[in-house]
PDB file of N, CA and C in Angstrom:
ATOM      1  N   MET A   1      16.925  11.655  23.505  1.00  0.00           N
ATOM      2  CA  MET A   1      16.146  12.673  22.815  1.00  0.00           C
ATOM      3  C   MET A   1      15.570  12.074  21.530  1.00  0.00           C
ATOM      4  N   THR A   2      14.274  12.247  21.327  1.00  0.00           N
ATOM      5  CA  THR A   2      13.616  11.737  20.133  1.00  0.00           C
ATOM      6  C   THR A   2      13.916  12.644  18.944  1.00  0.00           C
ATOM      7  N   ARG A   3      14.291  12.027  17.860  1.00  0.00           N
ATOM      8  CA  ARG A   3      14.609  12.780  16.653  1.00  0.00           C
ATOM      9  C   ARG A   3      13.323  13.129  15.904  1.00  0.00           C
ATOM     10  N   GLN A   4      13.200  14.358  15.473  1.00  0.00           N
ATOM     11  CA  GLN A   4      12.018  14.821  14.729  1.00  0.00           C
ATOM     12  C   GLN A   4      11.977  14.142  13.365  1.00  0.00           C
ATOM     13  N   ARG A   5      10.803  13.672  12.941  1.00  0.00           N
ATOM     14  CA  ARG A   5      10.630  13.076  11.614  1.00  0.00           C
ATOM     15  C   ARG A   5       9.686  13.934  10.805  1.00  0.00           C
ATOM     16  N   TYR A   6       9.851  13.891   9.509  1.00  0.00           N
ATOM     17  CA  TYR A   6       8.991  14.637   8.598  1.00  0.00           C
ATOM     18  C   TYR A   6       8.411  13.678   7.574  1.00  0.00           C
ATOM     19  N   VAL A   7       7.184  13.943   7.143  1.00  0.00           N
ATOM     20  CA  VAL A   7       6.496  13.116   6.162  1.00  0.00           C
ATOM     21  C   VAL A   7       6.484  13.876   4.839  1.00  0.00           C
ATOM     22  N   ILE A   8       6.812  13.182   3.766  1.00  0.00           N
ATOM     23  CA  ILE A   8       6.803  13.790   2.434  1.00  0.00           C
ATOM     24  C   ILE A   8       5.440  13.535   1.808  1.00  0.00           C
ATOM     25  N   HIS A   9       4.788  14.578   1.370  1.00  0.00           N
ATOM     26  CA  HIS A   9       3.508  14.466   0.668  1.00  0.00           C
ATOM     27  C   HIS A   9       3.781  14.796  -0.798  1.00  0.00           C
ATOM     28  N   LEU A  10       3.658  13.814  -1.650  1.00  0.00           N
ATOM     29  CA  LEU A  10       3.929  13.969  -3.071  1.00  0.00           C
ATOM     30  C   LEU A  10       2.602  13.883  -3.811  1.00  0.00           C
ATOM     31  N   THR A  11       2.189  14.943  -4.446  1.00  0.00           N
ATOM     32  CA  THR A  11       0.896  14.965  -5.116  1.00  0.00           C
ATOM     33  C   THR A  11       1.009  14.369  -6.514  1.00  0.00           C
ATOM     34  N   VAL A  12       0.267  13.300  -6.729  1.00  0.00           N
ATOM     35  CA  VAL A  12       0.151  12.653  -8.029  1.00  0.00           C
ATOM     36  C   VAL A  12      -1.340  12.429  -8.229  1.00  0.00           C
ATOM     37  N   THR A  13      -1.886  12.874  -9.334  1.00  0.00           N
ATOM     38  CA  THR A  13      -3.332  12.754  -9.537  1.00  0.00           C
ATOM     39  C   THR A  13      -3.664  11.571 -10.441  1.00  0.00           C
ATOM     40  N   SER A  14      -4.883  11.091 -10.304  1.00  0.00           N
ATOM     41  CA  SER A  14      -5.373   9.972 -11.089  1.00  0.00           C
ATOM     42  C   SER A  14      -6.856  10.193 -11.356  1.00  0.00           C
ATOM     43  N   ARG A  15      -7.401   9.459 -12.321  1.00  0.00           N
ATOM     44  CA  ARG A  15      -8.794   9.701 -12.733  1.00  0.00           C
ATOM     45  C   ARG A  15      -9.839   9.106 -11.796  1.00  0.00           C
ATOM     46  N   ASP A  16      -9.463   8.054 -11.020  1.00  0.00           N
ATOM     47  CA  ASP A  16     -10.419   7.439 -10.108  1.00  0.00           C
ATOM     48  C   ASP A  16      -9.680   6.715  -8.992  1.00  0.00           C
ATOM     49  N   LEU A  17     -10.419   6.234  -8.008  1.00  0.00           N
ATOM     50  CA  LEU A  17      -9.821   5.604  -6.825  1.00  0.00           C
ATOM     51  C   LEU A  17      -9.034   4.348  -7.177  1.00  0.00           C
ATOM     52  N   ASP A  18      -9.576   3.480  -8.020  1.00  0.00           N
ATOM     53  CA  ASP A  18      -8.862   2.250  -8.384  1.00  0.00           C
ATOM     54  C   ASP A  18      -7.538   2.559  -9.067  1.00  0.00           C
ATOM     55  N   SER A  19      -7.546   3.507  -9.985  1.00  0.00           N
ATOM     56  CA  SER A  19      -6.313   3.889 -10.682  1.00  0.00           C
ATOM     57  C   SER A  19      -5.316   4.529  -9.723  1.00  0.00           C
ATOM     58  N   ALA A  20      -5.811   5.319  -8.784  1.00  0.00           N
ATOM     59  CA  ALA A  20      -4.936   5.950  -7.800  1.00  0.00           C
ATOM     60  C   ALA A  20      -4.272   4.892  -6.917  1.00  0.00           C
ATOM     61  N   ARG A  21      -5.035   3.886  -6.495  1.00  0.00           N
ATOM     62  CA  ARG A  21      -4.465   2.818  -5.669  1.00  0.00           C
ATOM     63  C   ARG A  21      -3.437   2.002  -6.446  1.00  0.00           C
ATOM     64  N   LEU A  22      -3.730   1.700  -7.701  1.00  0.00           N
ATOM     65  CA  LEU A  22      -2.785   0.948  -8.529  1.00  0.00           C
ATOM     66  C   LEU A  22      -1.486   1.737  -8.703  1.00  0.00           C
ATOM     67  N   LEU A  23      -1.590   3.011  -9.000  1.00  0.00           N
ATOM     68  CA  LEU A  23      -0.404   3.844  -9.156  1.00  0.00           C
ATOM     69  C   LEU A  23       0.381   3.948  -7.851  1.00  0.00           C
ATOM     70  N   ALA A  24      -0.314   4.095  -6.737  1.00  0.00           N
ATOM     71  CA  ALA A  24       0.352   4.180  -5.438  1.00  0.00           C
ATOM     72  C   ALA A  24       1.083   2.881  -5.114  1.00  0.00           C
ATOM     73  N   ARG A  25       0.451   1.725  -5.394  1.00  0.00           N
ATOM     74  CA  ARG A  25       1.118   0.434  -5.171  1.00  0.00           C
ATOM     75  C   ARG A  25       2.369   0.318  -6.035  1.00  0.00           C
ATOM     76  N   THR A  26       2.251   0.715  -7.299  1.00  0.00           N
ATOM     77  CA  THR A  26       3.372   0.623  -8.229  1.00  0.00           C
ATOM     78  C   THR A  26       4.525   1.522  -7.783  1.00  0.00           C
ATOM     79  N   LEU A  27       4.222   2.749  -7.419  1.00  0.00           N
ATOM     80  CA  LEU A  27       5.264   3.673  -6.957  1.00  0.00           C
ATOM     81  C   LEU A  27       5.921   3.174  -5.677  1.00  0.00           C
ATOM     82  N   THR A  28       5.107   2.700  -4.752  1.00  0.00           N
ATOM     83  CA  THR A  28       5.641   2.210  -3.473  1.00  0.00           C
ATOM     84  C   THR A  28       6.555   1.020  -3.691  1.00  0.00           C
ATOM     85  N   ARG A  29       6.129   0.077  -4.501  1.00  0.00           N
ATOM     86  CA  ARG A  29       6.956  -1.106  -4.756  1.00  0.00           C
ATOM     87  C   ARG A  29       8.241  -0.751  -5.486  1.00  0.00           C
ATOM     88  N   SER A  30       8.197   0.251  -6.341  1.00  0.00           N
ATOM     89  CA  SER A  30       9.412   0.632  -7.066  1.00  0.00           C
ATOM     90  C   SER A  30      10.426   1.314  -6.145  1.00  0.00           C
ATOM     91  N   LEU A  31       9.974   1.813  -5.002  1.00  0.00           N
ATOM     92  CA  LEU A  31      10.860   2.499  -4.054  1.00  0.00           C
ATOM     93  C   LEU A  31      11.158   1.661  -2.811  1.00  0.00           C
ATOM     94  N   HIS A  32      10.846   0.364  -2.845  1.00  0.00           N
ATOM     95  CA  HIS A  32      10.986  -0.482  -1.654  1.00  0.00           C
ATOM     96  C   HIS A  32      12.414  -0.550  -1.113  1.00  0.00           C
ATOM     97  N   PHE A  33      13.396  -0.190  -1.921  1.00  0.00           N
ATOM     98  CA  PHE A  33      14.795  -0.241  -1.486  1.00  0.00           C
ATOM     99  C   PHE A  33      15.151   0.881  -0.509  1.00  0.00           C
ATOM    100  N   LEU A  34      14.284   1.886  -0.376  1.00  0.00           N
ATOM    101  CA  LEU A  34      14.535   2.991   0.543  1.00  0.00           C
ATOM    102  C   LEU A  34      14.136   2.599   1.963  1.00  0.00           C
ATOM    103  N   PRO A  35      15.086   2.589   2.910  1.00  0.00           N
ATOM    104  CA  PRO A  35      14.749   2.186   4.279  1.00  0.00           C
ATOM    105  C   PRO A  35      13.790   3.166   4.959  1.00  0.00           C
ATOM    106  N   GLU A  36      13.707   4.375   4.478  1.00  0.00           N
ATOM    107  CA  GLU A  36      12.821   5.379   5.077  1.00  0.00           C
ATOM    108  C   GLU A  36      11.367   5.192   4.662  1.00  0.00           C
ATOM    109  N   LEU A  37      11.109   4.397   3.658  1.00  0.00           N
ATOM    110  CA  LEU A  37       9.764   4.214   3.131  1.00  0.00           C
ATOM    111  C   LEU A  37       8.937   3.323   4.055  1.00  0.00           C
ATOM    112  N   SER A  38       7.703   3.719   4.322  1.00  0.00           N
ATOM    113  CA  SER A  38       6.754   2.923   5.109  1.00  0.00           C
ATOM    114  C   SER A  38       5.618   2.512   4.182  1.00  0.00           C
ATOM    115  N   PRO A  39       5.783   1.429   3.419  1.00  0.00           N
ATOM    116  CA  PRO A  39       4.783   1.059   2.420  1.00  0.00           C
ATOM    117  C   PRO A  39       3.385   0.876   2.987  1.00  0.00           C
ATOM    118  N   GLY A  40       3.272   0.282   4.167  1.00  0.00           N
ATOM    119  CA  GLY A  40       1.955   0.021   4.751  1.00  0.00           C
ATOM    120  C   GLY A  40       1.171   1.259   5.099  1.00  0.00           C
ATOM    121  N   GLU A  41       1.828   2.382   5.168  1.00  0.00           N
ATOM    122  CA  GLU A  41       1.155   3.638   5.488  1.00  0.00           C
ATOM    123  C   GLU A  41       0.736   4.405   4.243  1.00  0.00           C
ATOM    124  N   THR A  42       0.911   3.812   3.065  1.00  0.00           N
ATOM    125  CA  THR A  42       0.547   4.460   1.815  1.00  0.00           C
ATOM    126  C   THR A  42      -0.972   4.568   1.722  1.00  0.00           C
ATOM    127  N   THR A  43      -1.451   5.754   1.466  1.00  0.00           N
ATOM    128  CA  THR A  43      -2.892   5.999   1.319  1.00  0.00           C
ATOM    129  C   THR A  43      -3.131   6.892   0.109  1.00  0.00           C
ATOM    130  N   VAL A  44      -4.364   6.902  -0.364  1.00  0.00           N
ATOM    131  CA  VAL A  44      -4.791   7.836  -1.404  1.00  0.00           C
ATOM    132  C   VAL A  44      -6.054   8.529  -0.910  1.00  0.00           C
ATOM    133  N   SER A  45      -6.310   9.711  -1.449  1.00  0.00           N
ATOM    134  CA  SER A  45      -7.512  10.449  -1.064  1.00  0.00           C
ATOM    135  C   SER A  45      -8.027  11.223  -2.259  1.00  0.00           C
ATOM    136  N   GLU A  46      -9.297  11.608  -2.174  1.00  0.00           N
ATOM    137  CA  GLU A  46      -9.888  12.458  -3.196  1.00  0.00           C
ATOM    138  C   GLU A  46      -9.279  13.847  -3.059  1.00  0.00           C
ATOM    139  N   GLU A  47      -9.009  14.486  -4.172  1.00  0.00           N
ATOM    140  CA  GLU A  47      -8.334  15.779  -4.155  1.00  0.00           C
ATOM    141  C   GLU A  47      -9.032  16.795  -3.259  1.00  0.00           C
ATOM    142  N   GLY A  48     -10.339  16.832  -3.263  1.00  0.00           N
ATOM    143  CA  GLY A  48     -11.077  17.801  -2.465  1.00  0.00           C
ATOM    144  C   GLY A  48     -11.378  17.344  -1.044  1.00  0.00           C
ATOM    145  N   ASP A  49     -11.008  16.112  -0.708  1.00  0.00           N
ATOM    146  CA  ASP A  49     -11.310  15.554   0.617  1.00  0.00           C
ATOM    147  C   ASP A  49     -10.123  14.734   1.106  1.00  0.00           C
ATOM    148  N   GLN A  50      -9.023  15.390   1.397  1.00  0.00           N
ATOM    149  CA  GLN A  50      -7.803  14.683   1.761  1.00  0.00           C
ATOM    150  C   GLN A  50      -7.844  14.117   3.175  1.00  0.00           C
ATOM    151  N   VAL A  51      -8.880  14.446   3.938  1.00  0.00           N
ATOM    152  CA  VAL A  51      -9.030  13.882   5.275  1.00  0.00           C
ATOM    153  C   VAL A  51      -9.461  12.412   5.175  1.00  0.00           C
ATOM    154  N   ALA A  52     -10.292  12.087   4.190  1.00  0.00           N
ATOM    155  CA  ALA A  52     -10.773  10.709   3.989  1.00  0.00           C
ATOM    156  C   ALA A  52      -9.752   9.948   3.159  1.00  0.00           C
ATOM    157  N   GLN A  53      -8.849   9.255   3.833  1.00  0.00           N
ATOM    158  CA  GLN A  53      -7.782   8.533   3.144  1.00  0.00           C
ATOM    159  C   GLN A  53      -8.140   7.058   3.012  1.00  0.00           C
ATOM    160  N   HIS A  54      -7.739   6.465   1.894  1.00  0.00           N
ATOM    161  CA  HIS A  54      -7.994   5.055   1.601  1.00  0.00           C
ATOM    162  C   HIS A  54      -6.665   4.310   1.620  1.00  0.00           C
ATOM    163  N   ARG A  55      -6.575   3.270   2.432  1.00  0.00           N
ATOM    164  CA  ARG A  55      -5.345   2.474   2.519  1.00  0.00           C
ATOM    165  C   ARG A  55      -5.082   1.783   1.187  1.00  0.00           C
ATOM    166  N   VAL A  56      -3.823   1.602   0.867  1.00  0.00           N
ATOM    167  CA  VAL A  56      -3.423   0.943  -0.370  1.00  0.00           C
ATOM    168  C   VAL A  56      -3.025  -0.508  -0.107  1.00  0.00           C
ATOM    169  N   PHE A  57      -2.318  -0.760   0.986  1.00  0.00           N
ATOM    170  CA  PHE A  57      -1.862  -2.106   1.325  1.00  0.00           C
ATOM    171  C   PHE A  57      -2.578  -2.614   2.574  1.00  0.00           C
ATOM    172  N   CYS A  58      -2.705  -3.940   2.681  1.00  0.00           N
ATOM    173  CA  CYS A  58      -3.307  -4.567   3.856  1.00  0.00           C
ATOM    174  C   CYS A  58      -2.497  -4.218   5.105  1.00  0.00           C
ATOM    175  N   ASP A  59      -1.202  -4.486   5.085  1.00  0.00           N
ATOM    176  CA  ASP A  59      -0.260  -4.143   6.146  1.00  0.00           C
ATOM    177  C   ASP A  59      -0.530  -4.851   7.467  1.00  0.00           C
ATOM    178  N   ARG A  60      -1.282  -5.954   7.457  1.00  0.00           N
ATOM    179  CA  ARG A  60      -1.529  -6.710   8.687  1.00  0.00           C
ATOM    180  C   ARG A  60      -0.212  -7.303   9.177  1.00  0.00           C
ATOM    181  N   LEU A  61       0.045  -7.205  10.474  1.00  0.00           N
ATOM    182  CA  LEU A  61       1.256  -7.756  11.072  1.00  0.00           C
ATOM    183  C   LEU A  61       1.195  -9.277  11.043  1.00  0.00           C
ATOM    184  N   LEU A  62       2.248  -9.889  10.523  1.00  0.00           N
ATOM    185  CA  LEU A  62       2.334 -11.342  10.409  1.00  0.00           C
ATOM    186  C   LEU A  62       3.402 -11.873  11.356  1.00  0.00           C
ATOM    187  N   ASP A  63       3.463 -13.197  11.505  1.00  0.00           N
ATOM    188  CA  ASP A  63       4.512 -13.816  12.321  1.00  0.00           C
ATOM    189  C   ASP A  63       5.876 -13.361  11.830  1.00  0.00           C
ATOM    190  N   GLY A  64       6.791 -13.175  12.738  1.00  0.00           N
ATOM    191  CA  GLY A  64       8.142 -12.776  12.370  1.00  0.00           C
ATOM    192  C   GLY A  64       8.306 -11.284  12.152  1.00  0.00           C
ATOM    193  N   GLY A  65       7.251 -10.511  12.420  1.00  0.00           N
ATOM    194  CA  GLY A  65       7.351  -9.064  12.309  1.00  0.00           C
ATOM    195  C   GLY A  65       7.166  -8.508  10.914  1.00  0.00           C
ATOM    196  N   ARG A  66       6.934  -9.352   9.923  1.00  0.00           N
ATOM    197  CA  ARG A  66       6.703  -8.863   8.558  1.00  0.00           C
ATOM    198  C   ARG A  66       5.253  -8.416   8.431  1.00  0.00           C
ATOM    199  N   ARG A  67       4.949  -7.747   7.327  1.00  0.00           N
ATOM    200  CA  ARG A  67       3.596  -7.240   7.091  1.00  0.00           C
ATOM    201  C   ARG A  67       3.062  -7.780   5.768  1.00  0.00           C
ATOM    202  N   CYS A  68       1.750  -7.932   5.672  1.00  0.00           N
ATOM    203  CA  CYS A  68       1.113  -8.424   4.454  1.00  0.00           C
ATOM    204  C   CYS A  68       1.239  -7.362   3.359  1.00  0.00           C
ATOM    205  N   PRO A  69       1.785  -7.732   2.187  1.00  0.00           N
ATOM    206  CA  PRO A  69       1.971  -6.775   1.100  1.00  0.00           C
ATOM    207  C   PRO A  69       0.798  -6.703   0.124  1.00  0.00           C
ATOM    208  N   LEU A  70      -0.265  -7.468   0.387  1.00  0.00           N
ATOM    209  CA  LEU A  70      -1.407  -7.470  -0.531  1.00  0.00           C
ATOM    210  C   LEU A  70      -2.187  -6.165  -0.432  1.00  0.00           C
ATOM    211  N   ARG A  71      -3.028  -5.933  -1.410  1.00  0.00           N
ATOM    212  CA  ARG A  71      -3.825  -4.708  -1.414  1.00  0.00           C
ATOM    213  C   ARG A  71      -4.826  -4.706  -0.257  1.00  0.00           C
ATOM    214  N   ALA A  72      -5.195  -3.538   0.187  1.00  0.00           N
ATOM    215  CA  ALA A  72      -6.177  -3.392   1.257  1.00  0.00           C
ATOM    216  C   ALA A  72      -7.485  -4.049   0.833  1.00  0.00           C
ATOM    217  N   GLY A  73      -8.114  -4.767   1.752  1.00  0.00           N
ATOM    218  CA  GLY A  73      -9.394  -5.408   1.467  1.00  0.00           C
ATOM    219  C   GLY A  73      -9.281  -6.671   0.638  1.00  0.00           C
ATOM    220  N   HIS A  74      -8.074  -7.251   0.535  1.00  0.00           N
ATOM    221  CA  HIS A  74      -7.907  -8.445  -0.290  1.00  0.00           C
ATOM    222  C   HIS A  74      -8.728  -9.603   0.266  1.00  0.00           C
ATOM    223  N   VAL A  75      -9.035 -10.539  -0.618  1.00  0.00           N
ATOM    224  CA  VAL A  75      -9.774 -11.747  -0.256  1.00  0.00           C
ATOM    225  C   VAL A  75      -8.759 -12.848   0.012  1.00  0.00           C
ATOM    226  N   GLY A  76      -8.981 -13.622   1.046  1.00  0.00           N
ATOM    227  CA  GLY A  76      -8.093 -14.738   1.332  1.00  0.00           C
ATOM    228  C   GLY A  76      -7.089 -14.417   2.422  1.00  0.00           C
ATOM    229  N   THR A  77      -6.183 -15.355   2.606  1.00  0.00           N
ATOM    230  CA  THR A  77      -5.199 -15.291   3.674  1.00  0.00           C
ATOM    231  C   THR A  77      -4.071 -14.329   3.346  1.00  0.00           C
ATOM    232  N   CYS A  78      -3.627 -13.607   4.343  1.00  0.00           N
ATOM    233  CA  CYS A  78      -2.453 -12.756   4.187  1.00  0.00           C
ATOM    234  C   CYS A  78      -1.230 -13.643   4.028  1.00  0.00           C
ATOM    235  N   PHE A  79      -0.213 -13.155   3.341  1.00  0.00           N
ATOM    236  CA  PHE A  79       1.035 -13.891   3.239  1.00  0.00           C
ATOM    237  C   PHE A  79       2.175 -12.903   3.283  1.00  0.00           C
ATOM    238  N   ARG A  80       3.384 -13.420   3.451  1.00  0.00           N
ATOM    239  CA  ARG A  80       4.544 -12.555   3.472  1.00  0.00           C
ATOM    240  C   ARG A  80       5.453 -12.904   2.312  1.00  0.00           C
ATOM    241  N   THR A  81       6.258 -11.951   1.925  1.00  0.00           N
ATOM    242  CA  THR A  81       7.231 -12.170   0.867  1.00  0.00           C
ATOM    243  C   THR A  81       8.592 -12.376   1.511  1.00  0.00           C
ATOM    244  N   SER A  82       9.592 -12.689   0.723  1.00  0.00           N
ATOM    245  CA  SER A  82      10.913 -12.923   1.290  1.00  0.00           C
ATOM    246  C   SER A  82      11.520 -11.651   1.860  1.00  0.00           C
ATOM    247  N   ARG A  83      11.203 -10.511   1.254  1.00  0.00           N
ATOM    248  CA  ARG A  83      11.651  -9.200   1.748  1.00  0.00           C
ATOM    249  C   ARG A  83      10.527  -8.213   1.539  1.00  0.00           C
ATOM    250  N   PRO A  84      10.438  -7.174   2.369  1.00  0.00           N
ATOM    251  CA  PRO A  84       9.402  -6.166   2.156  1.00  0.00           C
ATOM    252  C   PRO A  84       9.509  -5.589   0.747  1.00  0.00           C
ATOM    253  N   GLY A  85       8.372  -5.484   0.059  1.00  0.00           N
ATOM    254  CA  GLY A  85       8.354  -4.903  -1.275  1.00  0.00           C
ATOM    255  C   GLY A  85       8.609  -5.894  -2.392  1.00  0.00           C
ATOM    256  N   ASP A  86       8.830  -7.194  -2.076  1.00  0.00           N
ATOM    257  CA  ASP A  86       9.151  -8.174  -3.105  1.00  0.00           C
ATOM    258  C   ASP A  86       7.934  -8.660  -3.884  1.00  0.00           C
ATOM    259  N   ALA A  87       6.735  -8.336  -3.461  1.00  0.00           N
ATOM    260  CA  ALA A  87       5.553  -8.783  -4.185  1.00  0.00           C
ATOM    261  C   ALA A  87       5.595  -8.222  -5.587  1.00  0.00           C
ATOM    262  N   GLY A  88       5.233  -9.043  -6.548  1.00  0.00           N
ATOM    263  CA  GLY A  88       5.253  -8.616  -7.937  1.00  0.00           C
ATOM    264  C   GLY A  88       4.016  -7.821  -8.290  1.00  0.00           C
ATOM    265  N   PRO A  89       3.774  -7.631  -9.583  1.00  0.00           N
ATOM    266  CA  PRO A  89       2.573  -6.907 -10.009  1.00  0.00           C
ATOM    267  C   PRO A  89       1.324  -7.576  -9.466  1.00  0.00           C
ATOM    268  N   ASP A  90       0.252  -6.832  -9.388  1.00  0.00           N
ATOM    269  CA  ASP A  90      -0.987  -7.343  -8.789  1.00  0.00           C
ATOM    270  C   ASP A  90      -1.467  -8.633  -9.432  1.00  0.00           C
ATOM    271  N   ASP A  91      -1.219  -8.827 -10.741  1.00  0.00           N
ATOM    272  CA  ASP A  91      -1.707 -10.055 -11.365  1.00  0.00           C
ATOM    273  C   ASP A  91      -0.875 -11.267 -10.962  1.00  0.00           C
ATOM    274  N   ASP A  92       0.250 -11.076 -10.271  1.00  0.00           N
ATOM    275  CA  ASP A  92       1.037 -12.186  -9.756  1.00  0.00           C
ATOM    276  C   ASP A  92       0.612 -12.583  -8.342  1.00  0.00           C
ATOM    277  N   LEU A  93      -0.265 -11.811  -7.731  1.00  0.00           N
ATOM    278  CA  LEU A  93      -0.701 -12.064  -6.373  1.00  0.00           C
ATOM    279  C   LEU A  93      -1.943 -12.946  -6.379  1.00  0.00           C
ATOM    280  N   PRO A  94      -2.274 -13.571  -5.244  1.00  0.00           N
ATOM    281  CA  PRO A  94      -3.494 -14.371  -5.163  1.00  0.00           C
ATOM    282  C   PRO A  94      -4.716 -13.566  -5.592  1.00  0.00           C
ATOM    283  N   ASP A  95      -5.737 -14.262  -6.063  1.00  0.00           N
ATOM    284  CA  ASP A  95      -6.936 -13.619  -6.594  1.00  0.00           C
ATOM    285  C   ASP A  95      -7.566 -12.664  -5.595  1.00  0.00           C
ATOM    286  N   ASP A  96      -7.752 -11.427  -6.017  1.00  0.00           N
ATOM    287  CA  ASP A  96      -8.409 -10.388  -5.238  1.00  0.00           C
ATOM    288  C   ASP A  96      -9.648  -9.945  -6.004  1.00  0.00           C
ATOM    289  N   SER A  97     -10.569 -10.817  -6.246  1.00  0.00           N
ATOM    290  CA  SER A  97     -11.702 -10.468  -7.094  1.00  0.00           C
ATOM    291  C   SER A  97     -12.557  -9.366  -6.480  1.00  0.00           C
ATOM    292  N   ALA A  98     -12.480  -9.158  -5.180  1.00  0.00           N
ATOM    293  CA  ALA A  98     -13.232  -8.062  -4.560  1.00  0.00           C
ATOM    294  C   ALA A  98     -12.511  -6.752  -4.829  1.00  0.00           C
ATOM    295  N   GLY A  99     -13.214  -5.656  -4.738  1.00  0.00           N
ATOM    296  CA  GLY A  99     -12.616  -4.349  -4.896  1.00  0.00           C
ATOM    297  C   GLY A  99     -11.696  -4.031  -3.725  1.00  0.00           C
ATOM    298  N   ASP A 100     -10.898  -2.981  -3.859  1.00  0.00           N
ATOM    299  CA  ASP A 100      -9.960  -2.605  -2.828  1.00  0.00           C
ATOM    300  C   ASP A 100     -10.631  -2.302  -1.497  1.00  0.00           C
ATOM    301  N   ASP A 101     -11.883  -1.921  -1.521  1.00  0.00           N
ATOM    302  CA  ASP A 101     -12.566  -1.607  -0.281  1.00  0.00           C
ATOM    303  C   ASP A 101     -13.261  -2.813   0.312  1.00  0.00           C
ATOM    304  N   GLY A 102     -12.990  -3.999  -0.265  1.00  0.00           N
ATOM    305  CA  GLY A 102     -13.543  -5.240   0.287  1.00  0.00           C
ATOM    306  C   GLY A 102     -14.918  -5.585  -0.216  1.00  0.00           C
ATOM    307  N   THR A 103     -15.448  -4.827  -1.188  1.00  0.00           N
ATOM    308  CA  THR A 103     -16.790  -5.120  -1.714  1.00  0.00           C
ATOM    309  C   THR A 103     -16.717  -5.898  -2.995  1.00  0.00           C
TER     310      THR A 103
END
C-alpha cells in the first residue's frame, strides 16, 4: 500500500524574483539535514501567478545518483558535493554570471 504524502507550502514574500530565489536557496540549504526535504523541487512564483513556478536549483541527475546543487540556469558544468546540501553560499560556487533564467 502506498503511503499518502503531503507537501508543505510555506509563504515567504520577497521584493523580486532574484531575491526570492536567493532566499529560497538559503532556506533550503539551511534545512538540508531534514531527510523529508526535496531541495531540487524548490520553486518560487509571483504572488498573483502561483501556477508559473521558477526552479531554484538545477537538480540535474549526476553519476552516482546525486543531483547538481547549483542554481537553475547556471553557466558551466554541473558538479556534485560530498553530501546533498553541502554547497556553500552562492559566491563560493563556480561563476554564474548569467541570470537564474539562463539569460
